Each structure stands twice: as C-alpha cells, then as structure tokens.
Amino acid sequence: MTRDEVARGLKDRARETEEIIRRFLPAEEGFNSAVTEAMNYSVLAGGKRLRPILMRETCHLYGQKNEEILHPFMAAIEFIHTYSLVHDDLPAMDNDDYRRGKPTTHKKYGAGMATLAGDGLLNLAFETAFRAFDLCGSESERNAVIRALRILADKAGINGMVGGQCADLQAEEQANGARTKEELLYIHTNKTAAMIESAMMIGATLAGASDEEVRRMEQAGEKIGLAFQIRDDILDVEGEASTLGKDVGSDEKNGKLTYVSMYGSAQARDDVRRLSEEAIGLTGNGTERNFLQDLIEWMITREL
C-alpha cells in the first residue's frame, strides 16, 4: 500500500474505533459530572487511536471470529493511554499546556480535577474490560478474557508503564546522576512500548493465538514501541508545534533523557528503521503483506 492509502486506512479505522470508544464513555450527569466531563474531554481530544487499532489488526491477523469481545478492550486500552497523558501533562510531571492541539486537561479543568479525571479513566478501563465477559459464548473465550485482563493490568502497572514513568521522572530529577543506555532502554521499553505490547498481545490472545504467537507479538510490540518513542524524541527536536499539536523542545526543557540526546539524530533514525523492519518481520502471516505491517511502516515515518 502507498503511504496515502495507509493514511486513509488508518483514518477509517480511527473513525470506527472512535465509535466503539464512545459507547463506553460515562454520562455527564449528577454530582460527579465535573469529573466525567473532564474524562470525556480528555478521551475525545483527538488522537490516532493507534493502540486499539493495533489490537484489532493483530486480532484479525490470527482470525478472530467474535470481534465483539475485543471492543471493551479496545476502549479500555485507550482509556489507560489517555489517563497516562493527563497525568503526564500535570504541573508536577511535564507541565505541558497543549495536547493534540488543545489545552491539556489541567489547563482547562485545573490540576485537581485533571488528577481525578486520570484516576477515573484508569478505573473505567477495567470496568469496561470486564464487560467482555458478558460477550463470551464459550469457556475458551472466557479463559481468553481472563488472560487478556492479566496482560492489561501487568503492562499498565509498576512492572510496565508506571515503572517506566517512574524511571523517567527520576532521570529528570537527577541531572548529574546515572544517565545510562540501560536506564534509557528501561524507560522507553516500559513507558511507551509496554502498552503497545499489551495491545498486540491482547489482540492475539482474544483471537485464540498460541502462547508462542502471543510472545512473538510481545516482541513485535516492544520493537514498535521503541521505534515509536525514538521517532517521538526526534520530532521533539525537529518537528513543528503546529504539526504536532503540542509544544516542541519540551524534552530538553525538562532535562529529559532521550534517545536523541544520548545517541544523536542520525543513529536515532537508523535505529528506528532497524527496529521497525524487525517488527514487520514478526507480524507477517506467511502470505501477502497485511495492513498491520503497513501501519508499522507508516508509524516510523510520521510527522506528528
């Protein structure tokens, strides 16, 4: 597929994903309407919906028949991703004013309500994912949902995304401390790649893939996540705020340990290409090239 065809395919899938996500958003009513409004604002502020799309495409790769079971998990992983962005933008973290071209949640609703909105989205993610049990038609599907829930929780927690955010925050706070290749890899592997791994592993699990196939999707997700984050580091240096929809140069301003600051732009670009090619090799189905592979290729050459 050409780059334009992939972009159109991604846009169509993002629109379908948006419709699925909207079905699981909370009502803005009652005494808690302030927090649900902030939650919905955060989720609906835009975005490419890459994680749920990767989940769905991986599920298709392994021939899922009952796609309805996938929908709660597609929404759940986007809720977790959004909560992480809301908290990451807070004054105590990256203190960003814009996200996806709009005021960040704390700029619109205040830091306190933004904190609650993130908390609410994390809990809503698991409330939503548990609804997949209502859509199961067999014991094997219920067991697959249990395995998917374990993956979702593990990759989002202290041994996954939260652990990566912890190391990232510590790296900012100790400008003269250890800033090593191992530390950088840990941050990227957990803060960014963990939830991409989660998306692809859940997609494969719910489609009935074998343990070996699920592990292969974990490996592919790690490589995609690393390449995606390195590309993000490059764009923070070379991109335009009007294109990205957020401030550029924020990593340098916050003293962040990044791939570009450690290795330089040339090696960063080379490693993005290498990691992406390896991920594409892991996601083949033995026949013709699939949309999942085209999407990986698109992700590494994106400008936003």
C-alpha atoms as a PDB file:
ATOM      1  CA  MET A   1       0.000   0.000   0.000  1.00  0.00           C
ATOM      2  CA  THR A   2       1.132   3.557  -0.645  1.00  0.00           C
ATOM      3  CA  ARG A   3       1.622   5.957   2.253  1.00  0.00           C
ATOM      4  CA  ASP A   4      -1.577   7.808   1.285  1.00  0.00           C
ATOM      5  CA  GLU A   5      -3.530   4.543   1.182  1.00  0.00           C
ATOM      6  CA  VAL A   6      -2.248   3.601   4.636  1.00  0.00           C
ATOM      7  CA  ALA A   7      -3.173   7.066   5.941  1.00  0.00           C
ATOM      8  CA  ARG A   8      -6.706   6.667   4.557  1.00  0.00           C
ATOM      9  CA  GLY A   9      -6.974   3.183   6.018  1.00  0.00           C
ATOM     10  CA  LEU A  10      -5.799   4.469   9.379  1.00  0.00           C
ATOM     11  CA  LYS A  11      -8.307   7.323   9.257  1.00  0.00           C
ATOM     12  CA  ASP A  12     -11.162   4.915   8.527  1.00  0.00           C
ATOM     13  CA  ARG A  13     -10.095   2.599  11.341  1.00  0.00           C
ATOM     14  CA  ALA A  14      -9.683   5.532  13.741  1.00  0.00           C
ATOM     15  CA  ARG A  15     -13.245   6.624  12.964  1.00  0.00           C
ATOM     16  CA  GLU A  16     -14.568   3.113  13.643  1.00  0.00           C
ATOM     17  CA  THR A  17     -12.531   2.943  16.842  1.00  0.00           C
ATOM     18  CA  GLU A  18     -13.871   6.314  17.968  1.00  0.00           C
ATOM     19  CA  GLU A  19     -17.425   4.995  17.646  1.00  0.00           C
ATOM     20  CA  ILE A  20     -16.543   1.969  19.766  1.00  0.00           C
ATOM     21  CA  ILE A  21     -14.870   4.116  22.440  1.00  0.00           C
ATOM     22  CA  ARG A  22     -17.822   6.493  22.673  1.00  0.00           C
ATOM     23  CA  ARG A  23     -20.108   3.610  23.615  1.00  0.00           C
ATOM     24  CA  PHE A  24     -18.184   3.109  26.852  1.00  0.00           C
ATOM     25  CA  LEU A  25     -17.799   6.738  27.977  1.00  0.00           C
ATOM     26  CA  PRO A  26     -19.560   7.802  31.199  1.00  0.00           C
ATOM     27  CA  ALA A  27     -22.630  10.034  31.270  1.00  0.00           C
ATOM     28  CA  GLU A  28     -22.042  13.652  32.317  1.00  0.00           C
ATOM     29  CA  GLU A  29     -24.728  13.903  34.974  1.00  0.00           C
ATOM     30  CA  GLY A  30     -25.184  14.011  38.725  1.00  0.00           C
ATOM     31  CA  PHE A  31     -22.820  15.249  41.434  1.00  0.00           C
ATOM     32  CA  ASN A  32     -19.813  13.680  39.701  1.00  0.00           C
ATOM     33  CA  SER A  33     -20.473  15.363  36.353  1.00  0.00           C
ATOM     34  CA  ALA A  34     -17.404  17.604  36.660  1.00  0.00           C
ATOM     35  CA  VAL A  35     -15.026  14.662  36.645  1.00  0.00           C
ATOM     36  CA  THR A  36     -16.875  12.745  33.915  1.00  0.00           C
ATOM     37  CA  GLU A  37     -16.826  15.876  31.749  1.00  0.00           C
ATOM     38  CA  ALA A  38     -13.059  16.164  32.246  1.00  0.00           C
ATOM     39  CA  MET A  39     -12.651  12.446  31.486  1.00  0.00           C
ATOM     40  CA  ASN A  40     -14.650  12.685  28.275  1.00  0.00           C
ATOM     41  CA  TYR A  41     -12.835  15.860  27.221  1.00  0.00           C
ATOM     42  CA  SER A  42      -9.526  14.050  27.625  1.00  0.00           C
ATOM     43  CA  VAL A  43     -10.566  10.966  25.660  1.00  0.00           C
ATOM     44  CA  LEU A  44     -12.276  12.909  22.869  1.00  0.00           C
ATOM     45  CA  ALA A  45      -9.497  15.472  22.400  1.00  0.00           C
ATOM     46  CA  GLY A  46      -8.333  13.570  19.331  1.00  0.00           C
ATOM     47  CA  GLY A  47      -5.510  11.170  18.702  1.00  0.00           C
ATOM     48  CA  LYS A  48      -4.690   8.450  16.213  1.00  0.00           C
ATOM     49  CA  ARG A  49      -6.104   5.599  18.354  1.00  0.00           C
ATOM     50  CA  LEU A  50      -3.050   3.536  17.441  1.00  0.00           C
ATOM     51  CA  ARG A  51      -3.205   1.128  20.379  1.00  0.00           C
ATOM     52  CA  PRO A  52      -6.769  -0.092  19.857  1.00  0.00           C
ATOM     53  CA  ILE A  53      -6.147  -0.227  16.113  1.00  0.00           C
ATOM     54  CA  LEU A  54      -3.011  -2.320  16.658  1.00  0.00           C
ATOM     55  CA  MET A  55      -5.075  -4.575  18.936  1.00  0.00           C
ATOM     56  CA  ARG A  56      -7.770  -5.035  16.317  1.00  0.00           C
ATOM     57  CA  GLU A  57      -5.354  -5.616  13.439  1.00  0.00           C
ATOM     58  CA  THR A  58      -3.426  -8.201  15.473  1.00  0.00           C
ATOM     59  CA  CYS A  59      -6.707  -9.911  16.299  1.00  0.00           C
ATOM     60  CA  HIS A  60      -7.533 -10.040  12.579  1.00  0.00           C
ATOM     61  CA  LEU A  61      -4.071 -11.458  11.890  1.00  0.00           C
ATOM     62  CA  TYR A  62      -5.000 -14.527  13.945  1.00  0.00           C
ATOM     63  CA  GLY A  63      -8.540 -14.846  12.581  1.00  0.00           C
ATOM     64  CA  GLN A  64     -10.771 -13.680  15.426  1.00  0.00           C
ATOM     65  CA  LYS A  65     -14.383 -14.674  14.838  1.00  0.00           C
ATOM     66  CA  ASN A  66     -16.173 -12.921  17.742  1.00  0.00           C
ATOM     67  CA  GLU A  67     -14.875  -9.362  17.444  1.00  0.00           C
ATOM     68  CA  GLU A  68     -17.458  -8.001  19.904  1.00  0.00           C
ATOM     69  CA  ILE A  69     -15.303  -9.378  22.744  1.00  0.00           C
ATOM     70  CA  LEU A  70     -12.498  -7.128  21.523  1.00  0.00           C
ATOM     71  CA  HIS A  71     -14.436  -3.863  21.749  1.00  0.00           C
ATOM     72  CA  PRO A  72     -14.331  -3.390  25.562  1.00  0.00           C
ATOM     73  CA  PHE A  73     -10.571  -3.966  25.482  1.00  0.00           C
ATOM     74  CA  MET A  74     -10.121  -1.512  22.614  1.00  0.00           C
ATOM     75  CA  ALA A  75     -11.840   1.168  24.688  1.00  0.00           C
ATOM     76  CA  ALA A  76     -10.025   0.139  27.866  1.00  0.00           C
ATOM     77  CA  ILE A  77      -6.542   0.460  26.421  1.00  0.00           C
ATOM     78  CA  GLU A  78      -7.354   3.916  25.061  1.00  0.00           C
ATOM     79  CA  PHE A  79      -8.668   4.959  28.485  1.00  0.00           C
ATOM     80  CA  ILE A  80      -5.395   3.826  30.087  1.00  0.00           C
ATOM     81  CA  HIS A  81      -3.354   5.613  27.436  1.00  0.00           C
ATOM     82  CA  THR A  82      -5.384   8.807  27.920  1.00  0.00           C
ATOM     83  CA  TYR A  83      -5.105   8.732  31.714  1.00  0.00           C
ATOM     84  CA  SER A  84      -1.330   8.429  31.382  1.00  0.00           C
ATOM     85  CA  LEU A  85      -1.245  11.508  29.137  1.00  0.00           C
ATOM     86  CA  VAL A  86      -3.473  13.516  31.512  1.00  0.00           C
ATOM     87  CA  HIS A  87      -1.171  12.749  34.429  1.00  0.00           C
ATOM     88  CA  ASP A  88       1.983  13.195  32.341  1.00  0.00           C
ATOM     89  CA  ASP A  89       0.862  16.730  31.389  1.00  0.00           C
ATOM     90  CA  LEU A  90       0.308  17.817  35.014  1.00  0.00           C
ATOM     91  CA  PRO A  91       2.472  20.583  36.531  1.00  0.00           C
ATOM     92  CA  ALA A  92       4.160  18.022  38.797  1.00  0.00           C
ATOM     93  CA  MET A  93       5.197  15.990  35.752  1.00  0.00           C
ATOM     94  CA  ASP A  94       5.883  17.530  32.310  1.00  0.00           C
ATOM     95  CA  ASN A  95       3.727  20.653  32.863  1.00  0.00           C
ATOM     96  CA  ASP A  96       2.506  20.833  29.251  1.00  0.00           C
ATOM     97  CA  ASP A  97      -0.122  23.334  28.144  1.00  0.00           C
ATOM     98  CA  TYR A  98      -1.250  21.652  24.916  1.00  0.00           C
ATOM     99  CA  ARG A  99      -2.058  18.119  23.860  1.00  0.00           C
ATOM    100  CA  ARG A 100      -3.307  17.282  20.346  1.00  0.00           C
ATOM    101  CA  GLY A 101      -3.657  20.988  19.613  1.00  0.00           C
ATOM    102  CA  LYS A 102      -5.986  21.644  22.558  1.00  0.00           C
ATOM    103  CA  PRO A 103      -5.436  22.844  26.131  1.00  0.00           C
ATOM    104  CA  THR A 104      -4.361  19.971  28.348  1.00  0.00           C
ATOM    105  CA  THR A 105      -6.889  18.718  30.870  1.00  0.00           C
ATOM    106  CA  HIS A 106      -5.271  20.519  33.810  1.00  0.00           C
ATOM    107  CA  LYS A 107      -5.218  23.812  31.877  1.00  0.00           C
ATOM    108  CA  LYS A 108      -8.953  23.528  31.204  1.00  0.00           C
ATOM    109  CA  TYR A 109     -10.202  21.977  34.456  1.00  0.00           C
ATOM    110  CA  GLY A 110      -7.433  22.581  36.991  1.00  0.00           C
ATOM    111  CA  ALA A 111      -4.768  20.228  38.330  1.00  0.00           C
ATOM    112  CA  GLY A 112      -7.015  18.668  40.967  1.00  0.00           C
ATOM    113  CA  MET A 113      -9.815  17.754  38.576  1.00  0.00           C
ATOM    114  CA  ALA A 114      -7.290  16.550  35.982  1.00  0.00           C
ATOM    115  CA  THR A 115      -5.793  14.224  38.588  1.00  0.00           C
ATOM    116  CA  LEU A 116      -9.257  12.837  39.346  1.00  0.00           C
ATOM    117  CA  ALA A 117     -10.010  12.509  35.629  1.00  0.00           C
ATOM    118  CA  GLY A 118      -6.890  10.370  35.192  1.00  0.00           C
ATOM    119  CA  ASP A 119      -7.819   8.269  38.214  1.00  0.00           C
ATOM    120  CA  GLY A 120     -11.327   7.852  36.846  1.00  0.00           C
ATOM    121  CA  LEU A 121     -10.104   6.781  33.416  1.00  0.00           C
ATOM    122  CA  LEU A 122      -7.802   4.129  34.873  1.00  0.00           C
ATOM    123  CA  ASN A 123     -10.631   2.617  36.871  1.00  0.00           C
ATOM    124  CA  LEU A 124     -13.055   2.975  33.954  1.00  0.00           C
ATOM    125  CA  ALA A 125     -10.628   0.988  31.811  1.00  0.00           C
ATOM    126  CA  PHE A 126     -11.022  -2.091  33.985  1.00  0.00           C
ATOM    127  CA  GLU A 127     -14.751  -1.585  34.485  1.00  0.00           C
ATOM    128  CA  THR A 128     -15.003  -1.593  30.694  1.00  0.00           C
ATOM    129  CA  ALA A 129     -12.678  -4.539  30.047  1.00  0.00           C
ATOM    130  CA  PHE A 130     -14.661  -6.700  32.487  1.00  0.00           C
ATOM    131  CA  ARG A 131     -17.730  -6.190  30.298  1.00  0.00           C
ATOM    132  CA  ALA A 132     -16.118  -8.550  27.772  1.00  0.00           C
ATOM    133  CA  PHE A 133     -17.286 -11.448  29.958  1.00  0.00           C
ATOM    134  CA  ASP A 134     -20.889 -10.604  29.017  1.00  0.00           C
ATOM    135  CA  LEU A 135     -19.996 -11.186  25.352  1.00  0.00           C
ATOM    136  CA  CYS A 136     -18.350 -14.589  25.748  1.00  0.00           C
ATOM    137  CA  GLY A 137     -20.045 -17.565  24.139  1.00  0.00           C
ATOM    138  CA  SER A 138     -17.774 -20.331  25.395  1.00  0.00           C
ATOM    139  CA  GLU A 139     -15.438 -21.348  28.198  1.00  0.00           C
ATOM    140  CA  SER A 140     -12.419 -20.861  25.933  1.00  0.00           C
ATOM    141  CA  GLU A 141     -13.475 -17.254  25.261  1.00  0.00           C
ATOM    142  CA  ARG A 142     -13.899 -16.594  28.988  1.00  0.00           C
ATOM    143  CA  ASN A 143     -10.428 -18.002  29.656  1.00  0.00           C
ATOM    144  CA  ALA A 144      -9.029 -15.784  26.898  1.00  0.00           C
ATOM    145  CA  VAL A 145     -10.633 -12.726  28.526  1.00  0.00           C
ATOM    146  CA  ILE A 146      -9.033 -13.651  31.868  1.00  0.00           C
ATOM    147  CA  ARG A 147      -5.608 -13.891  30.211  1.00  0.00           C
ATOM    148  CA  ALA A 148      -6.198 -10.579  28.414  1.00  0.00           C
ATOM    149  CA  LEU A 149      -7.095  -8.854  31.686  1.00  0.00           C
ATOM    150  CA  ARG A 150      -3.869 -10.086  33.262  1.00  0.00           C
ATOM    151  CA  ILE A 151      -1.876  -8.702  30.332  1.00  0.00           C
ATOM    152  CA  LEU A 152      -3.675  -5.346  30.536  1.00  0.00           C
ATOM    153  CA  ALA A 153      -3.050  -4.993  34.275  1.00  0.00           C
ATOM    154  CA  ASP A 154       0.577  -6.117  34.149  1.00  0.00           C
ATOM    155  CA  LYS A 155       1.631  -3.899  31.251  1.00  0.00           C
ATOM    156  CA  ALA A 156      -0.079  -0.829  32.739  1.00  0.00           C
ATOM    157  CA  GLY A 157       1.368  -1.240  36.235  1.00  0.00           C
ATOM    158  CA  ILE A 158       4.619  -0.891  38.145  1.00  0.00           C
ATOM    159  CA  ASN A 159       6.301  -3.554  36.017  1.00  0.00           C
ATOM    160  CA  GLY A 160       5.192  -1.776  32.856  1.00  0.00           C
ATOM    161  CA  MET A 161       4.051   1.754  32.028  1.00  0.00           C
ATOM    162  CA  VAL A 162       4.032   3.141  35.584  1.00  0.00           C
ATOM    163  CA  GLY A 163       7.505   1.726  36.189  1.00  0.00           C
ATOM    164  CA  GLY A 164       8.751   3.434  33.039  1.00  0.00           C
ATOM    165  CA  GLN A 165       7.196   6.729  34.092  1.00  0.00           C
ATOM    166  CA  CYS A 166       8.853   6.377  37.492  1.00  0.00           C
ATOM    167  CA  ALA A 167      12.296   5.927  35.932  1.00  0.00           C
ATOM    168  CA  ASP A 168      11.629   8.814  33.534  1.00  0.00           C
ATOM    169  CA  LEU A 169      10.727  11.154  36.402  1.00  0.00           C
ATOM    170  CA  GLN A 170      13.786  10.129  38.380  1.00  0.00           C
ATOM    171  CA  ALA A 171      16.024  10.723  35.369  1.00  0.00           C
ATOM    172  CA  GLU A 172      14.717  14.298  35.173  1.00  0.00           C
ATOM    173  CA  GLU A 173      15.310  14.907  38.870  1.00  0.00           C
ATOM    174  CA  GLN A 174      18.927  13.732  38.959  1.00  0.00           C
ATOM    175  CA  ALA A 175      20.611  15.719  36.218  1.00  0.00           C
ATOM    176  CA  ASN A 176      24.049  14.655  37.493  1.00  0.00           C
ATOM    177  CA  GLY A 177      23.027  11.100  38.305  1.00  0.00           C
ATOM    178  CA  ALA A 178      23.234   7.894  36.299  1.00  0.00           C
ATOM    179  CA  ARG A 179      22.025   8.506  32.745  1.00  0.00           C
ATOM    180  CA  THR A 180      22.903   5.257  31.055  1.00  0.00           C
ATOM    181  CA  LYS A 181      21.894   3.299  27.991  1.00  0.00           C
ATOM    182  CA  GLU A 182      20.256   0.718  30.266  1.00  0.00           C
ATOM    183  CA  GLU A 183      18.195   3.401  32.006  1.00  0.00           C
ATOM    184  CA  LEU A 184      17.060   4.868  28.697  1.00  0.00           C
ATOM    185  CA  LEU A 185      16.080   1.453  27.350  1.00  0.00           C
ATOM    186  CA  TYR A 186      14.122   0.703  30.520  1.00  0.00           C
ATOM    187  CA  ILE A 187      12.206   3.979  30.250  1.00  0.00           C
ATOM    188  CA  HIS A 188      11.279   3.533  26.592  1.00  0.00           C
ATOM    189  CA  THR A 189      10.528  -0.178  26.911  1.00  0.00           C
ATOM    190  CA  ASN A 190       8.141   0.388  29.789  1.00  0.00           C
ATOM    191  CA  LYS A 191       6.739   3.895  29.468  1.00  0.00           C
ATOM    192  CA  THR A 192       5.856   3.607  25.775  1.00  0.00           C
ATOM    193  CA  ALA A 193       6.357   0.069  24.487  1.00  0.00           C
ATOM    194  CA  ALA A 194       4.550  -1.758  27.317  1.00  0.00           C
ATOM    195  CA  MET A 195       1.076  -0.610  26.267  1.00  0.00           C
ATOM    196  CA  ILE A 196       1.781  -1.332  22.593  1.00  0.00           C
ATOM    197  CA  GLU A 197       2.899  -4.805  23.646  1.00  0.00           C
ATOM    198  CA  SER A 198      -0.317  -5.059  25.658  1.00  0.00           C
ATOM    199  CA  ALA A 199      -2.471  -4.108  22.672  1.00  0.00           C
ATOM    200  CA  MET A 200      -0.909  -6.689  20.370  1.00  0.00           C
ATOM    201  CA  MET A 201      -0.771  -9.448  22.977  1.00  0.00           C
ATOM    202  CA  ILE A 202      -4.441  -8.924  23.872  1.00  0.00           C
ATOM    203  CA  GLY A 203      -5.433  -8.937  20.205  1.00  0.00           C
ATOM    204  CA  ALA A 204      -3.632 -12.237  19.682  1.00  0.00           C
ATOM    205  CA  THR A 205      -4.942 -13.732  22.943  1.00  0.00           C
ATOM    206  CA  LEU A 206      -8.582 -12.944  22.207  1.00  0.00           C
ATOM    207  CA  ALA A 207      -8.171 -14.463  18.737  1.00  0.00           C
ATOM    208  CA  GLY A 208      -7.041 -17.751  20.267  1.00  0.00           C
ATOM    209  CA  ALA A 209      -3.349 -17.497  19.341  1.00  0.00           C
ATOM    210  CA  SER A 210      -0.865 -19.874  20.931  1.00  0.00           C
ATOM    211  CA  ASP A 211       1.450 -18.851  23.774  1.00  0.00           C
ATOM    212  CA  GLU A 212       4.340 -18.741  21.307  1.00  0.00           C
ATOM    213  CA  GLU A 213       2.393 -16.475  18.962  1.00  0.00           C
ATOM    214  CA  VAL A 214       1.442 -14.159  21.829  1.00  0.00           C
ATOM    215  CA  ARG A 215       5.123 -13.936  22.852  1.00  0.00           C
ATOM    216  CA  ARG A 216       6.021 -13.043  19.263  1.00  0.00           C
ATOM    217  CA  MET A 217       3.503 -10.204  19.359  1.00  0.00           C
ATOM    218  CA  GLU A 218       5.049  -9.038  22.634  1.00  0.00           C
ATOM    219  CA  GLN A 219       8.438  -8.892  20.916  1.00  0.00           C
ATOM    220  CA  ALA A 220       6.946  -7.043  17.943  1.00  0.00           C
ATOM    221  CA  GLY A 221       5.185  -4.598  20.265  1.00  0.00           C
ATOM    222  CA  GLU A 222       8.413  -3.855  22.125  1.00  0.00           C
ATOM    223  CA  LYS A 223      10.220  -3.055  18.877  1.00  0.00           C
ATOM    224  CA  ILE A 224       7.323  -0.925  17.608  1.00  0.00           C
ATOM    225  CA  GLY A 225       7.125   0.919  20.916  1.00  0.00           C
ATOM    226  CA  LEU A 226      10.845   1.636  20.994  1.00  0.00           C
ATOM    227  CA  ALA A 227      10.823   2.833  17.378  1.00  0.00           C
ATOM    228  CA  PHE A 228       7.733   4.956  18.047  1.00  0.00           C
ATOM    229  CA  GLN A 229       9.287   6.613  21.105  1.00  0.00           C
ATOM    230  CA  ILE A 230      12.597   7.242  19.360  1.00  0.00           C
ATOM    231  CA  ARG A 231      10.656   8.836  16.496  1.00  0.00           C
ATOM    232  CA  ASP A 232       8.828  10.946  19.084  1.00  0.00           C
ATOM    233  CA  ASP A 233      12.190  12.052  20.509  1.00  0.00           C
ATOM    234  CA  ILE A 234      13.310  13.044  17.004  1.00  0.00           C
ATOM    235  CA  LEU A 235      10.115  15.014  16.382  1.00  0.00           C
ATOM    236  CA  ASP A 236      10.519  16.847  19.702  1.00  0.00           C
ATOM    237  CA  VAL A 237      13.803  18.184  18.324  1.00  0.00           C
ATOM    238  CA  GLU A 238      12.982  18.571  14.631  1.00  0.00           C
ATOM    239  CA  GLY A 239       9.178  18.861  14.481  1.00  0.00           C
ATOM    240  CA  GLU A 240       6.859  21.856  14.319  1.00  0.00           C
ATOM    241  CA  ALA A 241       4.430  22.675  17.126  1.00  0.00           C
ATOM    242  CA  SER A 242       1.693  23.489  14.602  1.00  0.00           C
ATOM    243  CA  THR A 243       2.029  19.994  13.105  1.00  0.00           C
ATOM    244  CA  LEU A 244       2.470  18.056  16.323  1.00  0.00           C
ATOM    245  CA  GLY A 245      -0.296  19.828  18.236  1.00  0.00           C
ATOM    246  CA  LYS A 246       1.913  20.218  21.323  1.00  0.00           C
ATOM    247  CA  ASP A 247       4.969  22.163  22.430  1.00  0.00           C
ATOM    248  CA  VAL A 248       8.275  21.093  20.894  1.00  0.00           C
ATOM    249  CA  GLY A 249      11.586  21.163  22.717  1.00  0.00           C
ATOM    250  CA  SER A 250       9.851  20.156  25.951  1.00  0.00           C
ATOM    251  CA  ASP A 251      12.177  17.193  26.482  1.00  0.00           C
ATOM    252  CA  GLU A 252      15.252  19.426  26.538  1.00  0.00           C
ATOM    253  CA  LYS A 253      13.447  21.997  28.691  1.00  0.00           C
ATOM    254  CA  ASN A 254      12.591  19.313  31.257  1.00  0.00           C
ATOM    255  CA  GLY A 255      16.046  17.770  31.214  1.00  0.00           C
ATOM    256  CA  LYS A 256      14.705  14.523  29.821  1.00  0.00           C
ATOM    257  CA  LEU A 257      16.917  11.592  28.957  1.00  0.00           C
ATOM    258  CA  THR A 258      16.106  10.866  25.306  1.00  0.00           C
ATOM    259  CA  TYR A 259      17.478   8.686  22.547  1.00  0.00           C
ATOM    260  CA  VAL A 260      18.489  11.766  20.539  1.00  0.00           C
ATOM    261  CA  SER A 261      20.321  13.374  23.449  1.00  0.00           C
ATOM    262  CA  MET A 262      22.271  10.158  24.049  1.00  0.00           C
ATOM    263  CA  TYR A 263      22.953   8.906  20.518  1.00  0.00           C
ATOM    264  CA  GLY A 264      22.293  11.811  18.167  1.00  0.00           C
ATOM    265  CA  SER A 265      19.697  12.179  15.416  1.00  0.00           C
ATOM    266  CA  ALA A 266      21.498  10.087  12.772  1.00  0.00           C
ATOM    267  CA  GLN A 267      21.755   6.947  14.877  1.00  0.00           C
ATOM    268  CA  ALA A 268      18.251   7.516  16.205  1.00  0.00           C
ATOM    269  CA  ARG A 269      16.867   7.466  12.664  1.00  0.00           C
ATOM    270  CA  ASP A 270      18.890   4.350  11.789  1.00  0.00           C
ATOM    271  CA  ASP A 271      17.622   2.522  14.874  1.00  0.00           C
ATOM    272  CA  VAL A 272      14.009   3.476  14.154  1.00  0.00           C
ATOM    273  CA  ARG A 273      14.362   1.858  10.742  1.00  0.00           C
ATOM    274  CA  ARG A 274      16.073  -1.273  12.103  1.00  0.00           C
ATOM    275  CA  LEU A 275      13.544  -1.831  14.892  1.00  0.00           C
ATOM    276  CA  SER A 276      10.620  -1.274  12.558  1.00  0.00           C
ATOM    277  CA  GLU A 277      11.923  -3.730   9.967  1.00  0.00           C
ATOM    278  CA  GLU A 278      12.363  -6.335  12.699  1.00  0.00           C
ATOM    279  CA  ALA A 279       8.790  -5.723  13.911  1.00  0.00           C
ATOM    280  CA  ILE A 280       7.434  -6.020  10.377  1.00  0.00           C
ATOM    281  CA  GLY A 281       9.205  -9.378  10.079  1.00  0.00           C
ATOM    282  CA  LEU A 282       7.491 -10.616  13.250  1.00  0.00           C
ATOM    283  CA  THR A 283       3.984  -9.621  12.123  1.00  0.00           C
ATOM    284  CA  GLY A 284       3.814 -11.427   8.793  1.00  0.00           C
ATOM    285  CA  ASN A 285       1.208 -14.138   8.282  1.00  0.00           C
ATOM    286  CA  GLY A 286       3.180 -16.067   5.699  1.00  0.00           C
ATOM    287  CA  THR A 287       1.269 -14.721   2.723  1.00  0.00           C
ATOM    288  CA  GLU A 288       0.888 -11.194   1.402  1.00  0.00           C
ATOM    289  CA  ARG A 289       1.747  -8.031   3.302  1.00  0.00           C
ATOM    290  CA  ASN A 290      -1.008  -7.038   5.739  1.00  0.00           C
ATOM    291  CA  PHE A 291      -2.291  -3.681   6.990  1.00  0.00           C
ATOM    292  CA  LEU A 292      -0.584  -4.199  10.347  1.00  0.00           C
ATOM    293  CA  GLN A 293       2.797  -4.231   8.604  1.00  0.00           C
ATOM    294  CA  ASP A 294       1.874  -1.186   6.518  1.00  0.00           C
ATOM    295  CA  LEU A 295       0.801   0.610   9.693  1.00  0.00           C
ATOM    296  CA  ILE A 296       4.158  -0.079  11.367  1.00  0.00           C
ATOM    297  CA  GLU A 297       5.907   1.372   8.312  1.00  0.00           C
ATOM    298  CA  TRP A 298       3.681   4.473   8.484  1.00  0.00           C
ATOM    299  CA  MET A 299       4.351   4.960  12.198  1.00  0.00           C
ATOM    300  CA  ILE A 300       8.114   5.271  11.749  1.00  0.00           C
ATOM    301  CA  THR A 301       7.891   7.931   9.054  1.00  0.00           C
ATOM    302  CA  ARG A 302       5.130  10.004  10.659  1.00  0.00           C
ATOM    303  CA  GLU A 303       5.485  13.750  11.080  1.00  0.00           C
ATOM    304  CA  LEU A 304       3.045  14.027  14.011  1.00  0.00           C
END
